[in-house]
Amino acid sequence: MRKSLRRFCAYLLIRVLVSLARVLPRRLGSAVFGNLGAVAYLCLRKSRRIALVNLRLIYGRAAPDKEIRRIARRAFINLGKFAYDVVSLNRVAPQGLARIIEVTGLDNLDRALDRGKGVILLSGHVGNWELMAAYLSRAGYPLNVLATRLKDSRLDELIAGLRRNVGIAVLERSGGLKAALRCLNRGEILGILIDQDTSVESVLVDFLGRPTKTAVGPVKLASRTGAAIVPLAMLMTDNGHYRIEVKEPLVVSGQEASLVNDVERCSKAVETFIRAEPSQWVWMHRRWKSVVSDLYS
């Protein structure tokens, strides 16, 4: 009962914030939501602790406590700013979106699509991944994304609705293999985020200098369909705008003996974006729980 009440209150708060974002101009809205992220850093003790544990795990003693706390706090602030840009998207015209987004390497995606075997867009929870998907869909790319249902069905529908409004097809991660294969066989794009420890089929590979579970799905799908794996991310720049960087496709062997190596190469591709802007990654996820679960207890 208490958990249900908390979820309901969280849902109401998010609805209020969505309504607020849709009336605030971007500069003010970004500042307000960034400050809300700073408040979340102070109030969400469990999430803050996980972020600090993860940062210390990766940086060791090479970074002073002040720098670790700065990155963690900044990660919460950036999430707030990213959220504002996503939920206010429905009132932004395509030309308005183009003014704040620069794209490099888009020809890598276009050439991969021209092969006619589908494309697996590979990214992580780094930068504004939701806005990146919306931008590509609005630009006419046939985008499908794999997503896990949230425990709160109302919140799940809210987020799914935001995706559908910009033309993104949402495929459930649980049992979504057939749908994923169909979209790739149609020559479409499948977006997959691989930087979290989930219950899907995974192998242990290095990530940010530490071994952890990483999903094998992108590699197995590419091997089965011939689809190209194209890494990309959208990072916020110093002026508050965004830059999407699309990398050259990764070549996977398709051999079972090379599975771990192929998955690690995918993981390293995502890691490159995180290392470029550490404060734009979701450090508050228990990424290394499969190997160092005691650190999070």
C-alpha atoms as a PDB file:
ATOM      1  CA  MET A   1       0.000   0.000   0.000  1.00  0.00           C
ATOM      2  CA  ARG A   2       2.772   2.402   0.958  1.00  0.00           C
ATOM      3  CA  LYS A   3       4.718   1.579  -2.212  1.00  0.00           C
ATOM      4  CA  SER A   4       1.605   2.113  -4.348  1.00  0.00           C
ATOM      5  CA  LEU A   5       1.062   5.504  -2.733  1.00  0.00           C
ATOM      6  CA  ARG A   6       4.662   6.516  -3.401  1.00  0.00           C
ATOM      7  CA  ARG A   7       4.346   5.506  -7.038  1.00  0.00           C
ATOM      8  CA  PHE A   8       1.094   7.445  -7.391  1.00  0.00           C
ATOM      9  CA  CYS A   9       2.643  10.565  -5.850  1.00  0.00           C
ATOM     10  CA  ALA A  10       5.692  10.218  -8.119  1.00  0.00           C
ATOM     11  CA  TYR A  11       3.408   9.907 -11.142  1.00  0.00           C
ATOM     12  CA  LEU A  12       1.450  13.022 -10.151  1.00  0.00           C
ATOM     13  CA  LEU A  13       4.681  14.960  -9.665  1.00  0.00           C
ATOM     14  CA  ILE A  14       5.913  13.925 -13.096  1.00  0.00           C
ATOM     15  CA  ARG A  15       2.608  14.949 -14.679  1.00  0.00           C
ATOM     16  CA  VAL A  16       2.946  18.379 -13.074  1.00  0.00           C
ATOM     17  CA  LEU A  17       6.529  18.711 -14.289  1.00  0.00           C
ATOM     18  CA  VAL A  18       5.539  17.693 -17.826  1.00  0.00           C
ATOM     19  CA  SER A  19       2.828  20.371 -17.851  1.00  0.00           C
ATOM     20  CA  LEU A  20       5.299  22.929 -16.505  1.00  0.00           C
ATOM     21  CA  ALA A  21       7.927  22.069 -19.108  1.00  0.00           C
ATOM     22  CA  ARG A  22       5.452  22.614 -21.923  1.00  0.00           C
ATOM     23  CA  VAL A  23       4.888  26.272 -21.021  1.00  0.00           C
ATOM     24  CA  LEU A  24       8.407  27.367 -20.025  1.00  0.00           C
ATOM     25  CA  PRO A  25      10.774  28.839 -22.640  1.00  0.00           C
ATOM     26  CA  ARG A  26      13.850  26.694 -23.173  1.00  0.00           C
ATOM     27  CA  ARG A  27      16.457  28.770 -21.336  1.00  0.00           C
ATOM     28  CA  LEU A  28      14.266  29.130 -18.248  1.00  0.00           C
ATOM     29  CA  GLY A  29      12.935  25.573 -18.447  1.00  0.00           C
ATOM     30  CA  SER A  30      16.418  24.093 -18.711  1.00  0.00           C
ATOM     31  CA  ALA A  31      17.544  26.113 -15.675  1.00  0.00           C
ATOM     32  CA  VAL A  32      14.488  25.129 -13.621  1.00  0.00           C
ATOM     33  CA  PHE A  33      14.789  21.428 -14.425  1.00  0.00           C
ATOM     34  CA  GLY A  34      18.534  21.522 -13.874  1.00  0.00           C
ATOM     35  CA  ASN A  35      17.919  22.944 -10.405  1.00  0.00           C
ATOM     36  CA  LEU A  36      15.351  20.217  -9.780  1.00  0.00           C
ATOM     37  CA  GLY A  37      18.105  17.742 -10.637  1.00  0.00           C
ATOM     38  CA  ALA A  38      20.318  19.378  -8.014  1.00  0.00           C
ATOM     39  CA  VAL A  39      17.508  19.022  -5.465  1.00  0.00           C
ATOM     40  CA  ALA A  40      17.139  15.352  -6.430  1.00  0.00           C
ATOM     41  CA  TYR A  41      20.860  14.865  -5.760  1.00  0.00           C
ATOM     42  CA  LEU A  42      20.347  16.152  -2.218  1.00  0.00           C
ATOM     43  CA  CYS A  43      17.084  14.333  -1.508  1.00  0.00           C
ATOM     44  CA  LEU A  44      17.481  10.946  -3.219  1.00  0.00           C
ATOM     45  CA  ARG A  45      20.020   9.512  -0.814  1.00  0.00           C
ATOM     46  CA  LYS A  46      20.032   5.981  -2.246  1.00  0.00           C
ATOM     47  CA  SER A  47      20.559   7.125  -5.826  1.00  0.00           C
ATOM     48  CA  ARG A  48      23.220   9.613  -4.729  1.00  0.00           C
ATOM     49  CA  ARG A  49      25.075   6.898  -2.827  1.00  0.00           C
ATOM     50  CA  ILE A  50      25.013   4.523  -5.814  1.00  0.00           C
ATOM     51  CA  ALA A  51      26.414   7.262  -8.055  1.00  0.00           C
ATOM     52  CA  LEU A  52      29.215   8.039  -5.596  1.00  0.00           C
ATOM     53  CA  VAL A  53      30.039   4.336  -5.162  1.00  0.00           C
ATOM     54  CA  ASN A  54      30.227   3.842  -8.925  1.00  0.00           C
ATOM     55  CA  LEU A  55      32.417   6.879  -9.447  1.00  0.00           C
ATOM     56  CA  ARG A  56      34.834   5.829  -6.725  1.00  0.00           C
ATOM     57  CA  LEU A  57      34.876   2.284  -8.154  1.00  0.00           C
ATOM     58  CA  ILE A  58      35.954   3.598 -11.557  1.00  0.00           C
ATOM     59  CA  TYR A  59      38.201   6.508 -10.617  1.00  0.00           C
ATOM     60  CA  GLY A  60      39.714   4.978  -7.479  1.00  0.00           C
ATOM     61  CA  ARG A  61      41.969   7.393  -5.630  1.00  0.00           C
ATOM     62  CA  ALA A  62      42.940   9.166  -8.833  1.00  0.00           C
ATOM     63  CA  ALA A  63      40.126  11.671  -8.267  1.00  0.00           C
ATOM     64  CA  PRO A  64      39.624  13.648  -5.023  1.00  0.00           C
ATOM     65  CA  ASP A  65      36.305  13.403  -3.162  1.00  0.00           C
ATOM     66  CA  LYS A  66      35.376  16.910  -4.284  1.00  0.00           C
ATOM     67  CA  GLU A  67      35.669  15.925  -7.949  1.00  0.00           C
ATOM     68  CA  ILE A  68      33.704  12.712  -7.423  1.00  0.00           C
ATOM     69  CA  ARG A  69      30.870  14.652  -5.785  1.00  0.00           C
ATOM     70  CA  ARG A  70      30.981  17.297  -8.517  1.00  0.00           C
ATOM     71  CA  ILE A  71      30.541  14.715 -11.294  1.00  0.00           C
ATOM     72  CA  ALA A  72      27.722  12.963  -9.398  1.00  0.00           C
ATOM     73  CA  ARG A  73      25.853  16.207  -8.713  1.00  0.00           C
ATOM     74  CA  ARG A  74      26.346  17.346 -12.292  1.00  0.00           C
ATOM     75  CA  ALA A  75      24.938  14.039 -13.560  1.00  0.00           C
ATOM     76  CA  PHE A  76      21.680  14.718 -11.680  1.00  0.00           C
ATOM     77  CA  ILE A  77      21.554  18.291 -12.993  1.00  0.00           C
ATOM     78  CA  ASN A  78      22.118  17.152 -16.563  1.00  0.00           C
ATOM     79  CA  LEU A  79      19.362  14.545 -16.285  1.00  0.00           C
ATOM     80  CA  GLY A  80      16.997  17.320 -15.281  1.00  0.00           C
ATOM     81  CA  LYS A  81      17.985  19.399 -18.296  1.00  0.00           C
ATOM     82  CA  PHE A  82      17.667  16.415 -20.618  1.00  0.00           C
ATOM     83  CA  ALA A  83      14.200  15.669 -19.216  1.00  0.00           C
ATOM     84  CA  TYR A  84      13.051  19.215 -19.925  1.00  0.00           C
ATOM     85  CA  ASP A  85      14.070  19.012 -23.588  1.00  0.00           C
ATOM     86  CA  VAL A  86      12.297  15.668 -23.999  1.00  0.00           C
ATOM     87  CA  VAL A  87       8.952  16.501 -22.385  1.00  0.00           C
ATOM     88  CA  SER A  88       8.727  19.927 -24.062  1.00  0.00           C
ATOM     89  CA  LEU A  89       9.439  18.430 -27.486  1.00  0.00           C
ATOM     90  CA  ASN A  90       5.843  18.379 -28.736  1.00  0.00           C
ATOM     91  CA  ARG A  91       5.758  22.186 -28.985  1.00  0.00           C
ATOM     92  CA  VAL A  92       9.106  22.472 -30.790  1.00  0.00           C
ATOM     93  CA  ALA A  93       8.979  22.628 -34.586  1.00  0.00           C
ATOM     94  CA  PRO A  94      11.532  20.540 -36.533  1.00  0.00           C
ATOM     95  CA  GLN A  95      13.396  23.690 -37.575  1.00  0.00           C
ATOM     96  CA  GLY A  96      13.591  24.745 -33.925  1.00  0.00           C
ATOM     97  CA  LEU A  97      15.073  21.398 -33.015  1.00  0.00           C
ATOM     98  CA  ALA A  98      17.612  21.675 -35.824  1.00  0.00           C
ATOM     99  CA  ARG A  99      18.859  24.966 -34.360  1.00  0.00           C
ATOM    100  CA  ILE A 100      20.051  23.284 -31.173  1.00  0.00           C
ATOM    101  CA  ILE A 101      21.305  19.975 -32.628  1.00  0.00           C
ATOM    102  CA  GLU A 102      24.416  19.418 -34.727  1.00  0.00           C
ATOM    103  CA  VAL A 103      25.027  16.024 -36.330  1.00  0.00           C
ATOM    104  CA  THR A 104      28.335  14.545 -37.417  1.00  0.00           C
ATOM    105  CA  GLY A 105      28.822  11.238 -39.195  1.00  0.00           C
ATOM    106  CA  LEU A 106      25.223  10.848 -40.367  1.00  0.00           C
ATOM    107  CA  ASP A 107      26.524   9.426 -43.620  1.00  0.00           C
ATOM    108  CA  ASN A 108      27.654   6.379 -41.611  1.00  0.00           C
ATOM    109  CA  LEU A 109      24.010   5.660 -40.800  1.00  0.00           C
ATOM    110  CA  ASP A 110      22.811   6.391 -44.325  1.00  0.00           C
ATOM    111  CA  ARG A 111      25.338   4.030 -45.905  1.00  0.00           C
ATOM    112  CA  ALA A 112      24.444   1.306 -43.414  1.00  0.00           C
ATOM    113  CA  LEU A 113      20.741   1.701 -44.212  1.00  0.00           C
ATOM    114  CA  ASP A 114      21.397   1.560 -47.945  1.00  0.00           C
ATOM    115  CA  ARG A 115      22.598  -2.040 -47.507  1.00  0.00           C
ATOM    116  CA  GLY A 116      18.944  -2.988 -46.937  1.00  0.00           C
ATOM    117  CA  LYS A 117      19.625  -5.325 -44.015  1.00  0.00           C
ATOM    118  CA  GLY A 118      18.587  -3.021 -41.212  1.00  0.00           C
ATOM    119  CA  VAL A 119      20.677  -1.105 -38.695  1.00  0.00           C
ATOM    120  CA  ILE A 120      21.198  -1.597 -34.972  1.00  0.00           C
ATOM    121  CA  LEU A 121      21.795   1.822 -33.428  1.00  0.00           C
ATOM    122  CA  LEU A 122      23.976   1.184 -30.395  1.00  0.00           C
ATOM    123  CA  SER A 123      24.078   3.629 -27.514  1.00  0.00           C
ATOM    124  CA  GLY A 124      23.727   3.953 -23.759  1.00  0.00           C
ATOM    125  CA  HIS A 125      22.106   6.122 -21.124  1.00  0.00           C
ATOM    126  CA  VAL A 126      24.572   8.874 -21.898  1.00  0.00           C
ATOM    127  CA  GLY A 127      23.645  12.365 -23.002  1.00  0.00           C
ATOM    128  CA  ASN A 128      20.077  12.895 -24.150  1.00  0.00           C
ATOM    129  CA  TRP A 129      19.317   9.495 -25.670  1.00  0.00           C
ATOM    130  CA  GLU A 130      15.543  10.120 -25.780  1.00  0.00           C
ATOM    131  CA  LEU A 131      15.881  13.424 -27.656  1.00  0.00           C
ATOM    132  CA  MET A 132      18.354  11.798 -30.038  1.00  0.00           C
ATOM    133  CA  ALA A 133      15.807   9.114 -30.927  1.00  0.00           C
ATOM    134  CA  ALA A 134      13.101  11.754 -31.384  1.00  0.00           C
ATOM    135  CA  TYR A 135      15.340  13.824 -33.651  1.00  0.00           C
ATOM    136  CA  LEU A 136      16.157  10.859 -35.902  1.00  0.00           C
ATOM    137  CA  SER A 137      12.531   9.767 -36.095  1.00  0.00           C
ATOM    138  CA  ARG A 138      11.391  13.283 -36.960  1.00  0.00           C
ATOM    139  CA  ALA A 139      14.074  13.386 -39.641  1.00  0.00           C
ATOM    140  CA  GLY A 140      12.358  10.437 -41.327  1.00  0.00           C
ATOM    141  CA  TYR A 141      14.443   7.501 -40.156  1.00  0.00           C
ATOM    142  CA  PRO A 142      12.320   4.352 -39.483  1.00  0.00           C
ATOM    143  CA  LEU A 143      13.194   3.950 -35.809  1.00  0.00           C
ATOM    144  CA  ASN A 144      12.183   1.189 -33.412  1.00  0.00           C
ATOM    145  CA  VAL A 145      13.458   1.007 -29.838  1.00  0.00           C
ATOM    146  CA  LEU A 146      13.674  -1.850 -27.365  1.00  0.00           C
ATOM    147  CA  ALA A 147      12.338  -0.824 -23.967  1.00  0.00           C
ATOM    148  CA  THR A 148      11.537  -2.497 -20.653  1.00  0.00           C
ATOM    149  CA  ARG A 149       8.101  -1.859 -19.170  1.00  0.00           C
ATOM    150  CA  LEU A 150       8.125   0.262 -16.027  1.00  0.00           C
ATOM    151  CA  LYS A 151       6.492  -1.059 -12.865  1.00  0.00           C
ATOM    152  CA  ASP A 152       4.071   1.869 -12.818  1.00  0.00           C
ATOM    153  CA  SER A 153       1.841   1.361 -15.864  1.00  0.00           C
ATOM    154  CA  ARG A 154       0.730   5.014 -15.852  1.00  0.00           C
ATOM    155  CA  LEU A 155       4.297   6.272 -16.057  1.00  0.00           C
ATOM    156  CA  ASP A 156       5.134   3.612 -18.627  1.00  0.00           C
ATOM    157  CA  GLU A 157       2.273   4.785 -20.839  1.00  0.00           C
ATOM    158  CA  LEU A 158       3.314   8.427 -20.418  1.00  0.00           C
ATOM    159  CA  ILE A 159       6.834   7.713 -21.663  1.00  0.00           C
ATOM    160  CA  ALA A 160       5.625   5.378 -24.434  1.00  0.00           C
ATOM    161  CA  GLY A 161       3.209   8.112 -25.537  1.00  0.00           C
ATOM    162  CA  LEU A 162       6.033  10.644 -25.806  1.00  0.00           C
ATOM    163  CA  ARG A 163       7.903   8.208 -28.040  1.00  0.00           C
ATOM    164  CA  ARG A 164       4.897   7.395 -30.210  1.00  0.00           C
ATOM    165  CA  ASN A 165       4.151  11.105 -30.705  1.00  0.00           C
ATOM    166  CA  VAL A 166       7.415  11.527 -32.597  1.00  0.00           C
ATOM    167  CA  GLY A 167       6.956   8.365 -34.648  1.00  0.00           C
ATOM    168  CA  ILE A 168       9.072   5.918 -32.651  1.00  0.00           C
ATOM    169  CA  ALA A 169       7.830   2.326 -32.532  1.00  0.00           C
ATOM    170  CA  VAL A 170       8.321   0.836 -29.055  1.00  0.00           C
ATOM    171  CA  LEU A 171       9.150  -2.878 -28.807  1.00  0.00           C
ATOM    172  CA  GLU A 172       8.986  -4.610 -25.435  1.00  0.00           C
ATOM    173  CA  ARG A 173      12.392  -5.946 -24.431  1.00  0.00           C
ATOM    174  CA  SER A 174      10.723  -8.954 -22.822  1.00  0.00           C
ATOM    175  CA  GLY A 175       9.664 -11.227 -25.661  1.00  0.00           C
ATOM    176  CA  GLY A 176      10.532  -8.653 -28.305  1.00  0.00           C
ATOM    177  CA  LEU A 177      12.922 -10.833 -30.319  1.00  0.00           C
ATOM    178  CA  LYS A 178      10.461 -11.587 -33.120  1.00  0.00           C
ATOM    179  CA  ALA A 179       9.486  -7.926 -33.458  1.00  0.00           C
ATOM    180  CA  ALA A 180      13.160  -6.924 -33.449  1.00  0.00           C
ATOM    181  CA  LEU A 181      13.950  -9.426 -36.193  1.00  0.00           C
ATOM    182  CA  ARG A 182      10.976  -8.253 -38.265  1.00  0.00           C
ATOM    183  CA  CYS A 183      11.989  -4.592 -38.166  1.00  0.00           C
ATOM    184  CA  LEU A 184      15.579  -5.429 -39.146  1.00  0.00           C
ATOM    185  CA  ASN A 185      14.405  -7.716 -41.943  1.00  0.00           C
ATOM    186  CA  ARG A 186      12.323  -4.790 -43.236  1.00  0.00           C
ATOM    187  CA  GLY A 187      15.517  -2.753 -43.433  1.00  0.00           C
ATOM    188  CA  GLU A 188      14.547  -0.485 -40.532  1.00  0.00           C
ATOM    189  CA  ILE A 189      16.484   0.789 -37.511  1.00  0.00           C
ATOM    190  CA  LEU A 190      16.500  -0.840 -34.078  1.00  0.00           C
ATOM    191  CA  GLY A 191      17.810   1.264 -31.181  1.00  0.00           C
ATOM    192  CA  ILE A 192      19.388  -0.623 -28.248  1.00  0.00           C
ATOM    193  CA  LEU A 193      21.021   0.697 -25.063  1.00  0.00           C
ATOM    194  CA  ILE A 194      23.566  -1.739 -23.608  1.00  0.00           C
ATOM    195  CA  ASP A 195      25.086   0.045 -20.606  1.00  0.00           C
ATOM    196  CA  GLN A 196      22.984  -1.428 -17.801  1.00  0.00           C
ATOM    197  CA  ASP A 197      23.012  -4.694 -15.857  1.00  0.00           C
ATOM    198  CA  THR A 198      19.681  -6.320 -16.698  1.00  0.00           C
ATOM    199  CA  SER A 199      18.192  -9.814 -16.743  1.00  0.00           C
ATOM    200  CA  VAL A 200      18.701 -10.330 -20.493  1.00  0.00           C
ATOM    201  CA  GLU A 201      21.318 -12.752 -21.859  1.00  0.00           C
ATOM    202  CA  SER A 202      24.711 -11.257 -21.069  1.00  0.00           C
ATOM    203  CA  VAL A 203      28.427 -11.943 -20.822  1.00  0.00           C
ATOM    204  CA  LEU A 204      31.142 -10.472 -18.620  1.00  0.00           C
ATOM    205  CA  VAL A 205      33.221  -7.841 -20.418  1.00  0.00           C
ATOM    206  CA  ASP A 206      35.279  -4.824 -19.439  1.00  0.00           C
ATOM    207  CA  PHE A 207      33.358  -1.569 -19.024  1.00  0.00           C
ATOM    208  CA  LEU A 208      35.096   1.594 -17.826  1.00  0.00           C
ATOM    209  CA  GLY A 209      37.944  -0.557 -16.558  1.00  0.00           C
ATOM    210  CA  ARG A 210      35.825  -3.049 -14.581  1.00  0.00           C
ATOM    211  CA  PRO A 211      34.235  -6.357 -15.676  1.00  0.00           C
ATOM    212  CA  THR A 212      30.458  -6.458 -15.664  1.00  0.00           C
ATOM    213  CA  LYS A 213      27.488  -8.089 -17.403  1.00  0.00           C
ATOM    214  CA  THR A 214      26.688  -6.694 -20.842  1.00  0.00           C
ATOM    215  CA  ALA A 215      23.873  -7.742 -23.171  1.00  0.00           C
ATOM    216  CA  VAL A 216      24.709  -9.954 -26.144  1.00  0.00           C
ATOM    217  CA  GLY A 217      21.525  -9.015 -28.030  1.00  0.00           C
ATOM    218  CA  PRO A 218      22.993  -6.521 -30.532  1.00  0.00           C
ATOM    219  CA  VAL A 219      25.776  -8.908 -31.577  1.00  0.00           C
ATOM    220  CA  LYS A 220      23.461 -11.914 -31.945  1.00  0.00           C
ATOM    221  CA  LEU A 221      20.871  -9.906 -33.889  1.00  0.00           C
ATOM    222  CA  ALA A 222      23.537  -8.539 -36.216  1.00  0.00           C
ATOM    223  CA  SER A 223      24.953 -12.029 -36.773  1.00  0.00           C
ATOM    224  CA  ARG A 224      21.511 -13.436 -37.521  1.00  0.00           C
ATOM    225  CA  THR A 225      20.254 -10.682 -39.855  1.00  0.00           C
ATOM    226  CA  GLY A 226      23.367  -9.103 -41.327  1.00  0.00           C
ATOM    227  CA  ALA A 227      22.332  -5.755 -39.851  1.00  0.00           C
ATOM    228  CA  ALA A 228      25.046  -3.159 -39.291  1.00  0.00           C
ATOM    229  CA  ILE A 229      25.848  -2.048 -35.716  1.00  0.00           C
ATOM    230  CA  VAL A 230      26.266   1.737 -35.654  1.00  0.00           C
ATOM    231  CA  PRO A 231      27.354   3.381 -32.359  1.00  0.00           C
ATOM    232  CA  LEU A 232      26.154   6.902 -31.634  1.00  0.00           C
ATOM    233  CA  ALA A 233      25.277   9.315 -28.834  1.00  0.00           C
ATOM    234  CA  MET A 234      23.941  12.823 -28.338  1.00  0.00           C
ATOM    235  CA  LEU A 235      25.965  14.886 -25.873  1.00  0.00           C
ATOM    236  CA  MET A 236      25.200  18.368 -24.571  1.00  0.00           C
ATOM    237  CA  THR A 237      27.738  21.025 -25.523  1.00  0.00           C
ATOM    238  CA  ASP A 238      28.989  23.942 -23.437  1.00  0.00           C
ATOM    239  CA  ASN A 239      26.389  26.328 -24.877  1.00  0.00           C
ATOM    240  CA  GLY A 240      23.473  24.066 -23.916  1.00  0.00           C
ATOM    241  CA  HIS A 241      22.983  22.754 -27.449  1.00  0.00           C
ATOM    242  CA  TYR A 242      23.564  19.145 -28.539  1.00  0.00           C
ATOM    243  CA  ARG A 243      25.869  17.230 -30.844  1.00  0.00           C
ATOM    244  CA  ILE A 244      24.978  13.803 -32.239  1.00  0.00           C
ATOM    245  CA  GLU A 245      28.048  11.805 -33.188  1.00  0.00           C
ATOM    246  CA  VAL A 246      27.465   8.783 -35.409  1.00  0.00           C
ATOM    247  CA  LYS A 247      30.435   6.404 -35.566  1.00  0.00           C
ATOM    248  CA  GLU A 248      31.403   4.014 -38.334  1.00  0.00           C
ATOM    249  CA  PRO A 249      29.693   0.590 -38.164  1.00  0.00           C
ATOM    250  CA  LEU A 250      31.264  -2.111 -36.026  1.00  0.00           C
ATOM    251  CA  VAL A 251      32.108  -5.332 -37.840  1.00  0.00           C
ATOM    252  CA  VAL A 252      31.195  -8.450 -35.850  1.00  0.00           C
ATOM    253  CA  SER A 253      32.440 -11.902 -36.755  1.00  0.00           C
ATOM    254  CA  GLY A 254      29.177 -13.748 -36.210  1.00  0.00           C
ATOM    255  CA  GLN A 255      31.099 -16.642 -34.662  1.00  0.00           C
ATOM    256  CA  GLU A 256      30.119 -17.981 -31.239  1.00  0.00           C
ATOM    257  CA  ALA A 257      33.792 -18.198 -30.262  1.00  0.00           C
ATOM    258  CA  SER A 258      34.129 -14.436 -30.813  1.00  0.00           C
ATOM    259  CA  LEU A 259      30.946 -13.467 -28.966  1.00  0.00           C
ATOM    260  CA  VAL A 260      32.646 -12.071 -25.860  1.00  0.00           C
ATOM    261  CA  ASN A 261      35.124 -10.081 -27.920  1.00  0.00           C
ATOM    262  CA  ASP A 262      32.369  -8.672 -30.138  1.00  0.00           C
ATOM    263  CA  VAL A 263      30.250  -7.666 -27.123  1.00  0.00           C
ATOM    264  CA  GLU A 264      33.252  -5.979 -25.515  1.00  0.00           C
ATOM    265  CA  ARG A 265      33.880  -3.974 -28.677  1.00  0.00           C
ATOM    266  CA  CYS A 266      30.273  -2.794 -28.562  1.00  0.00           C
ATOM    267  CA  SER A 267      30.663  -1.915 -24.904  1.00  0.00           C
ATOM    268  CA  LYS A 268      33.877   0.013 -25.595  1.00  0.00           C
ATOM    269  CA  ALA A 269      32.129   2.006 -28.316  1.00  0.00           C
ATOM    270  CA  VAL A 270      29.545   3.217 -25.785  1.00  0.00           C
ATOM    271  CA  GLU A 271      32.257   3.758 -23.186  1.00  0.00           C
ATOM    272  CA  THR A 272      33.969   6.248 -25.508  1.00  0.00           C
ATOM    273  CA  PHE A 273      31.027   8.637 -25.202  1.00  0.00           C
ATOM    274  CA  ILE A 274      30.908   8.293 -21.415  1.00  0.00           C
ATOM    275  CA  ARG A 275      34.609   9.016 -21.040  1.00  0.00           C
ATOM    276  CA  ALA A 276      34.185  12.117 -23.220  1.00  0.00           C
ATOM    277  CA  GLU A 277      31.487  13.538 -20.885  1.00  0.00           C
ATOM    278  CA  PRO A 278      31.384  11.588 -17.572  1.00  0.00           C
ATOM    279  CA  SER A 279      28.785  13.884 -16.020  1.00  0.00           C
ATOM    280  CA  GLN A 280      26.299  13.013 -18.773  1.00  0.00           C
ATOM    281  CA  TRP A 281      26.013   9.328 -17.849  1.00  0.00           C
ATOM    282  CA  VAL A 282      23.555   7.747 -15.364  1.00  0.00           C
ATOM    283  CA  TRP A 283      25.975   6.870 -12.566  1.00  0.00           C
ATOM    284  CA  MET A 284      22.995   6.180 -10.274  1.00  0.00           C
ATOM    285  CA  HIS A 285      22.420   2.724 -11.804  1.00  0.00           C
ATOM    286  CA  ARG A 286      23.994  -0.345 -10.098  1.00  0.00           C
ATOM    287  CA  ARG A 287      26.027  -1.121 -13.192  1.00  0.00           C
ATOM    288  CA  TRP A 288      28.494  -3.500 -11.511  1.00  0.00           C
ATOM    289  CA  LYS A 289      26.031  -5.321  -9.216  1.00  0.00           C
ATOM    290  CA  SER A 290      26.779  -8.727 -10.769  1.00  0.00           C
ATOM    291  CA  VAL A 291      30.407  -8.636  -9.638  1.00  0.00           C
ATOM    292  CA  VAL A 292      30.538  -6.232  -6.661  1.00  0.00           C
ATOM    293  CA  SER A 293      26.999  -6.329  -5.275  1.00  0.00           C
ATOM    294  CA  ASP A 294      28.241  -5.875  -1.704  1.00  0.00           C
ATOM    295  CA  LEU A 295      29.333  -2.308  -2.508  1.00  0.00           C
ATOM    296  CA  TYR A 296      25.713  -1.291  -3.032  1.00  0.00           C
ATOM    297  CA  SER A 297      24.319  -2.799   0.180  1.00  0.00           C
END
